Each structure stands twice: as C-alpha cells, then as structure tokens.
Amino acid sequence: MNFSKSMDDKYGLFMDIADLADLMRVKRTTLYNQIYNKKLALPFVKSGKRYLFPTAEVAKYLEKELQLPEM
C-alpha cells in the first residue's frame, strides 16, 4: 500500500478536519455537517473540540472508493 504509506508520511497517525477537507477537496463545513448528521463513513475520535481521523483508515476508504490502481 504505497498510498497509505505516503499518507502516513505526510499526515502522521491522525488527520484533523482541515487536512481531511483539503485532501477530499470539500469545505470543512461539509465534513462537520456529515459528522453531526452521522453520515460520514470514516471513523473519528473527538479530542476536546477537535475531530481526528486515523490516517490509515482514511487511506483505506479512499482506496476503496476511488479504486486506485496498484503501484
């Protein structure tokens, strides 16, 4: 999984909502709305006021949804 490795190198173990919004090219508000409406298909942890997303799970989700070719 080169994609997962490169994401780990760039973002570390967790991504915040700004990182995820930038990666998915959506507004942060869109992600907040999906979280509040329980429609976000990604696992997350709330740490204080911050939402954190495991980078490995985000990579798996993107590989599955985008069906990236193996490199």
C-alpha atoms as a PDB file:
ATOM      1  CA  MET A   1       0.000   0.000   0.000  1.00  0.00           C
ATOM      2  CA  ASN A   2       2.136   2.858  -1.226  1.00  0.00           C
ATOM      3  CA  PHE A   3      -0.793   5.261  -0.955  1.00  0.00           C
ATOM      4  CA  SER A   4      -1.270   4.517   2.740  1.00  0.00           C
ATOM      5  CA  LYS A   5       2.462   4.853   3.407  1.00  0.00           C
ATOM      6  CA  SER A   6       2.691   8.201   1.640  1.00  0.00           C
ATOM      7  CA  MET A   7      -0.314   9.497   3.581  1.00  0.00           C
ATOM      8  CA  ASP A   8       1.239   8.360   6.870  1.00  0.00           C
ATOM      9  CA  ASP A   9       4.437  10.180   5.957  1.00  0.00           C
ATOM     10  CA  LYS A  10       2.567  13.383   5.135  1.00  0.00           C
ATOM     11  CA  TYR A  11      -0.081  13.491   7.889  1.00  0.00           C
ATOM     12  CA  GLY A  12       1.185  11.242  10.685  1.00  0.00           C
ATOM     13  CA  LEU A  13      -1.123   8.895  12.601  1.00  0.00           C
ATOM     14  CA  PHE A  14      -4.101  11.248  12.618  1.00  0.00           C
ATOM     15  CA  MET A  15      -5.501  13.905  10.321  1.00  0.00           C
ATOM     16  CA  ASP A  16      -7.532  16.842  11.546  1.00  0.00           C
ATOM     17  CA  ILE A  17     -10.651  18.086   9.824  1.00  0.00           C
ATOM     18  CA  ALA A  18      -8.741  20.740   7.849  1.00  0.00           C
ATOM     19  CA  ASP A  19      -6.353  18.082   6.469  1.00  0.00           C
ATOM     20  CA  LEU A  20      -9.240  15.814   5.515  1.00  0.00           C
ATOM     21  CA  ALA A  21     -11.214  18.636   3.893  1.00  0.00           C
ATOM     22  CA  ASP A  22      -8.161  19.671   1.875  1.00  0.00           C
ATOM     23  CA  LEU A  23      -7.462  16.090   0.791  1.00  0.00           C
ATOM     24  CA  MET A  24     -11.076  15.447  -0.225  1.00  0.00           C
ATOM     25  CA  ARG A  25     -11.458  18.941  -1.717  1.00  0.00           C
ATOM     26  CA  VAL A  26     -14.562  19.792   0.257  1.00  0.00           C
ATOM     27  CA  LYS A  27     -15.293  22.535   2.767  1.00  0.00           C
ATOM     28  CA  ARG A  28     -14.778  21.854   6.447  1.00  0.00           C
ATOM     29  CA  THR A  29     -18.434  22.754   6.959  1.00  0.00           C
ATOM     30  CA  THR A  30     -19.429  19.845   4.736  1.00  0.00           C
ATOM     31  CA  LEU A  31     -17.478  17.424   6.930  1.00  0.00           C
ATOM     32  CA  TYR A  32     -18.902  18.926  10.129  1.00  0.00           C
ATOM     33  CA  ASN A  33     -22.423  18.519   8.725  1.00  0.00           C
ATOM     34  CA  GLN A  34     -21.746  14.886   7.823  1.00  0.00           C
ATOM     35  CA  ILE A  35     -20.417  14.233  11.326  1.00  0.00           C
ATOM     36  CA  TYR A  36     -23.429  15.838  13.008  1.00  0.00           C
ATOM     37  CA  ASN A  37     -25.856  14.000  10.723  1.00  0.00           C
ATOM     38  CA  LYS A  38     -23.961  10.712  11.284  1.00  0.00           C
ATOM     39  CA  LYS A  39     -23.395  10.256   7.562  1.00  0.00           C
ATOM     40  CA  LEU A  40     -19.598  10.340   7.498  1.00  0.00           C
ATOM     41  CA  ALA A  41     -18.294   6.905   6.516  1.00  0.00           C
ATOM     42  CA  LEU A  42     -14.960   7.425   8.281  1.00  0.00           C
ATOM     43  CA  PRO A  43     -14.085   6.607  11.885  1.00  0.00           C
ATOM     44  CA  PHE A  44     -13.038   9.563  14.019  1.00  0.00           C
ATOM     45  CA  VAL A  45     -12.124  10.488  17.566  1.00  0.00           C
ATOM     46  CA  LYS A  46     -13.131  13.702  19.245  1.00  0.00           C
ATOM     47  CA  SER A  47     -10.289  15.178  21.292  1.00  0.00           C
ATOM     48  CA  GLY A  48     -11.591  18.250  23.075  1.00  0.00           C
ATOM     49  CA  LYS A  49     -13.073  20.355  20.293  1.00  0.00           C
ATOM     50  CA  ARG A  50     -11.012  18.675  17.558  1.00  0.00           C
ATOM     51  CA  TYR A  51     -12.053  15.786  15.355  1.00  0.00           C
ATOM     52  CA  LEU A  52      -9.203  13.429  14.467  1.00  0.00           C
ATOM     53  CA  PHE A  53      -9.293  10.817  11.720  1.00  0.00           C
ATOM     54  CA  PRO A  54      -6.909   7.819  11.627  1.00  0.00           C
ATOM     55  CA  THR A  55      -4.792   8.336   8.517  1.00  0.00           C
ATOM     56  CA  ALA A  56      -4.649   4.612   7.748  1.00  0.00           C
ATOM     57  CA  GLU A  57      -8.458   4.373   7.768  1.00  0.00           C
ATOM     58  CA  VAL A  58      -8.768   7.437   5.533  1.00  0.00           C
ATOM     59  CA  ALA A  59      -6.303   5.837   3.088  1.00  0.00           C
ATOM     60  CA  LYS A  60      -8.289   2.573   3.092  1.00  0.00           C
ATOM     61  CA  TYR A  61     -11.522   4.469   2.496  1.00  0.00           C
ATOM     62  CA  LEU A  62     -10.056   6.456  -0.391  1.00  0.00           C
ATOM     63  CA  GLU A  63      -8.503   3.363  -1.979  1.00  0.00           C
ATOM     64  CA  LYS A  64     -11.848   1.575  -1.765  1.00  0.00           C
ATOM     65  CA  GLU A  65     -13.943   4.481  -3.014  1.00  0.00           C
ATOM     66  CA  LEU A  66     -11.587   5.663  -5.733  1.00  0.00           C
ATOM     67  CA  GLN A  67     -10.428   2.176  -6.720  1.00  0.00           C
ATOM     68  CA  LEU A  68      -6.844   3.343  -7.206  1.00  0.00           C
ATOM     69  CA  PRO A  69      -4.658   1.118  -9.365  1.00  0.00           C
ATOM     70  CA  GLU A  70      -1.913  -0.841  -7.608  1.00  0.00           C
ATOM     71  CA  MET A  71       1.523   0.720  -7.957  1.00  0.00           C
END
